[in-house]
Amino acid sequence: MRFVILAAAAAAAVLLLQALVGGWRPIKNLSDPYVRGIAEFAIKAHNDEANTGLVLVKVMKGETQVVSGANYRLVVEVKDGADTKSFEVVVWDKPWEHSRRLTSFTAVPGKA
């Protein structure tokens, strides 16, 4: 009986660890300066690559994923001249190595 209880506890611990490492978790404070910095980095990297002039308005939604560092998946609202557009961006961030990379920048159809 004790073995069954220990096995069940071990299985629950593995599921909890998998949820913490590798799973996407919502960002509670979208106005956090670090999150805004991630969004601004994504827009600047895209602007440099695509020769555009997008300007961040706000972070509308966000999630993080623990990997070797952290992935940030954000929905951002930007100004493109007079137009307002939404994009989903994914940024990989490894702050202890001062390393950050834009891995995805995708238009969100309509407004998010």
C-alpha atoms as a PDB file:
ATOM      1  CA  MET A   1       0.000   0.000   0.000  1.00  0.00           C
ATOM      2  CA  ARG A   2       2.799   2.415   0.890  1.00  0.00           C
ATOM      3  CA  PHE A   3       4.404   1.803  -2.527  1.00  0.00           C
ATOM      4  CA  VAL A   4       1.172   2.756  -4.310  1.00  0.00           C
ATOM      5  CA  ILE A   5       0.927   6.008  -2.358  1.00  0.00           C
ATOM      6  CA  LEU A   6       4.583   6.842  -3.041  1.00  0.00           C
ATOM      7  CA  ALA A   7       4.160   6.033  -6.748  1.00  0.00           C
ATOM      8  CA  ALA A   8       1.077   8.267  -6.948  1.00  0.00           C
ATOM      9  CA  ALA A   9       2.912  11.095  -5.168  1.00  0.00           C
ATOM     10  CA  ALA A  10       5.894  10.720  -7.519  1.00  0.00           C
ATOM     11  CA  ALA A  11       3.606  10.791 -10.572  1.00  0.00           C
ATOM     12  CA  ALA A  12       1.895  13.949  -9.278  1.00  0.00           C
ATOM     13  CA  ALA A  13       5.282  15.596  -8.701  1.00  0.00           C
ATOM     14  CA  VAL A  14       6.358  14.770 -12.276  1.00  0.00           C
ATOM     15  CA  LEU A  15       3.156  16.280 -13.674  1.00  0.00           C
ATOM     16  CA  LEU A  16       3.647  19.426 -11.579  1.00  0.00           C
ATOM     17  CA  LEU A  17       7.266  19.758 -12.720  1.00  0.00           C
ATOM     18  CA  GLN A  18       6.220  19.319 -16.360  1.00  0.00           C
ATOM     19  CA  ALA A  19       3.639  22.090 -15.919  1.00  0.00           C
ATOM     20  CA  LEU A  20       6.286  24.395 -14.462  1.00  0.00           C
ATOM     21  CA  VAL A  21       9.060  23.588 -16.945  1.00  0.00           C
ATOM     22  CA  GLY A  22       8.060  23.627 -20.598  1.00  0.00           C
ATOM     23  CA  GLY A  23       4.417  24.623 -20.283  1.00  0.00           C
ATOM     24  CA  TRP A  24       3.112  28.065 -21.219  1.00  0.00           C
ATOM     25  CA  ARG A  25       1.985  30.138 -18.228  1.00  0.00           C
ATOM     26  CA  PRO A  26       0.020  33.420 -18.416  1.00  0.00           C
ATOM     27  CA  ILE A  27       1.810  36.640 -17.526  1.00  0.00           C
ATOM     28  CA  LYS A  28      -0.197  38.313 -14.788  1.00  0.00           C
ATOM     29  CA  ASN A  29       1.298  41.809 -15.013  1.00  0.00           C
ATOM     30  CA  LEU A  30       1.434  42.866 -18.674  1.00  0.00           C
ATOM     31  CA  SER A  31       2.603  46.354 -17.701  1.00  0.00           C
ATOM     32  CA  ASP A  32       5.731  44.997 -15.974  1.00  0.00           C
ATOM     33  CA  PRO A  33       8.731  46.954 -17.325  1.00  0.00           C
ATOM     34  CA  TYR A  34      10.587  43.709 -18.132  1.00  0.00           C
ATOM     35  CA  VAL A  35       7.663  42.445 -20.245  1.00  0.00           C
ATOM     36  CA  ARG A  36       7.424  45.815 -22.000  1.00  0.00           C
ATOM     37  CA  GLY A  37      11.170  45.608 -22.675  1.00  0.00           C
ATOM     38  CA  ILE A  38      10.694  42.196 -24.297  1.00  0.00           C
ATOM     39  CA  ALA A  39       7.935  43.655 -26.505  1.00  0.00           C
ATOM     40  CA  GLU A  40      10.037  46.688 -27.445  1.00  0.00           C
ATOM     41  CA  PHE A  41      12.960  44.388 -28.299  1.00  0.00           C
ATOM     42  CA  ALA A  42      10.686  42.314 -30.587  1.00  0.00           C
ATOM     43  CA  ILE A  43       9.414  45.382 -32.436  1.00  0.00           C
ATOM     44  CA  LYS A  44      12.887  46.883 -32.834  1.00  0.00           C
ATOM     45  CA  ALA A  45      14.282  43.558 -34.127  1.00  0.00           C
ATOM     46  CA  HIS A  46      11.396  43.311 -36.606  1.00  0.00           C
ATOM     47  CA  ASN A  47      11.781  46.950 -37.668  1.00  0.00           C
ATOM     48  CA  ASP A  48      15.521  46.427 -38.275  1.00  0.00           C
ATOM     49  CA  GLU A  49      14.925  43.250 -40.289  1.00  0.00           C
ATOM     50  CA  ALA A  50      11.887  44.393 -42.299  1.00  0.00           C
ATOM     51  CA  ASN A  51      12.811  48.082 -42.582  1.00  0.00           C
ATOM     52  CA  THR A  52       9.511  49.156 -40.998  1.00  0.00           C
ATOM     53  CA  GLY A  53       8.643  51.786 -38.410  1.00  0.00           C
ATOM     54  CA  LEU A  54       6.229  50.032 -36.049  1.00  0.00           C
ATOM     55  CA  VAL A  55       5.778  51.625 -32.612  1.00  0.00           C
ATOM     56  CA  LEU A  56       4.601  49.717 -29.545  1.00  0.00           C
ATOM     57  CA  VAL A  57       1.283  50.872 -28.103  1.00  0.00           C
ATOM     58  CA  LYS A  58       0.693  48.144 -25.513  1.00  0.00           C
ATOM     59  CA  VAL A  59       1.091  44.490 -24.621  1.00  0.00           C
ATOM     60  CA  MET A  60      -2.372  42.971 -24.842  1.00  0.00           C
ATOM     61  CA  LYS A  61      -1.691  39.368 -23.825  1.00  0.00           C
ATOM     62  CA  GLY A  62       1.314  37.339 -22.745  1.00  0.00           C
ATOM     63  CA  GLU A  63       2.619  33.949 -21.720  1.00  0.00           C
ATOM     64  CA  THR A  64       6.002  32.612 -20.673  1.00  0.00           C
ATOM     65  CA  GLN A  65       7.582  29.214 -21.113  1.00  0.00           C
ATOM     66  CA  VAL A  66      10.612  28.005 -19.166  1.00  0.00           C
ATOM     67  CA  VAL A  67      13.195  26.506 -21.500  1.00  0.00           C
ATOM     68  CA  SER A  68      16.961  27.049 -21.465  1.00  0.00           C
ATOM     69  CA  GLY A  69      16.059  30.606 -20.572  1.00  0.00           C
ATOM     70  CA  ALA A  70      12.487  31.711 -21.219  1.00  0.00           C
ATOM     71  CA  ASN A  71      10.223  32.142 -24.204  1.00  0.00           C
ATOM     72  CA  TYR A  72       7.823  35.067 -24.136  1.00  0.00           C
ATOM     73  CA  ARG A  73       4.766  34.854 -26.386  1.00  0.00           C
ATOM     74  CA  LEU A  74       3.082  38.248 -26.497  1.00  0.00           C
ATOM     75  CA  VAL A  75       0.250  39.817 -28.441  1.00  0.00           C
ATOM     76  CA  VAL A  76       1.192  43.438 -28.994  1.00  0.00           C
ATOM     77  CA  GLU A  77      -0.692  46.387 -30.400  1.00  0.00           C
ATOM     78  CA  VAL A  78       1.434  48.666 -32.583  1.00  0.00           C
ATOM     79  CA  LYS A  79       1.058  51.822 -34.618  1.00  0.00           C
ATOM     80  CA  ASP A  80       2.027  51.588 -38.277  1.00  0.00           C
ATOM     81  CA  GLY A  81       1.687  55.211 -39.318  1.00  0.00           C
ATOM     82  CA  ALA A  82      -1.982  56.020 -38.712  1.00  0.00           C
ATOM     83  CA  ASP A  83      -3.007  52.347 -38.607  1.00  0.00           C
ATOM     84  CA  THR A  84      -3.208  50.176 -35.499  1.00  0.00           C
ATOM     85  CA  LYS A  85      -2.226  46.532 -35.930  1.00  0.00           C
ATOM     86  CA  SER A  86      -1.760  43.495 -33.707  1.00  0.00           C
ATOM     87  CA  PHE A  87       1.044  40.935 -33.838  1.00  0.00           C
ATOM     88  CA  GLU A  88       1.960  37.812 -31.937  1.00  0.00           C
ATOM     89  CA  VAL A  89       5.664  37.851 -31.137  1.00  0.00           C
ATOM     90  CA  VAL A  90       7.848  35.178 -29.582  1.00  0.00           C
ATOM     91  CA  VAL A  91      11.133  36.179 -27.970  1.00  0.00           C
ATOM     92  CA  TRP A  92      13.657  33.795 -26.435  1.00  0.00           C
ATOM     93  CA  ASP A  93      15.407  35.432 -23.491  1.00  0.00           C
ATOM     94  CA  LYS A  94      18.418  34.271 -21.477  1.00  0.00           C
ATOM     95  CA  PRO A  95      19.127  37.249 -19.215  1.00  0.00           C
ATOM     96  CA  TRP A  96      22.107  35.757 -17.358  1.00  0.00           C
ATOM     97  CA  GLU A  97      23.951  35.566 -20.705  1.00  0.00           C
ATOM     98  CA  HIS A  98      22.544  38.904 -21.955  1.00  0.00           C
ATOM     99  CA  SER A  99      21.081  36.994 -24.898  1.00  0.00           C
ATOM    100  CA  ARG A 100      17.733  37.644 -26.557  1.00  0.00           C
ATOM    101  CA  ARG A 101      16.357  36.570 -29.947  1.00  0.00           C
ATOM    102  CA  LEU A 102      13.145  37.256 -31.852  1.00  0.00           C
ATOM    103  CA  THR A 103      11.910  33.856 -33.037  1.00  0.00           C
ATOM    104  CA  SER A 104       8.490  34.756 -34.448  1.00  0.00           C
ATOM    105  CA  PHE A 105       6.590  37.871 -35.532  1.00  0.00           C
ATOM    106  CA  THR A 106       3.139  37.093 -36.939  1.00  0.00           C
ATOM    107  CA  ALA A 107       0.207  39.347 -37.800  1.00  0.00           C
ATOM    108  CA  VAL A 108      -2.967  38.715 -35.812  1.00  0.00           C
ATOM    109  CA  PRO A 109      -5.990  38.846 -38.130  1.00  0.00           C
ATOM    110  CA  GLY A 110      -8.407  41.596 -37.132  1.00  0.00           C
ATOM    111  CA  LYS A 111      -7.832  43.148 -33.732  1.00  0.00           C
ATOM    112  CA  ALA A 112      -6.848  40.965 -30.781  1.00  0.00           C
END
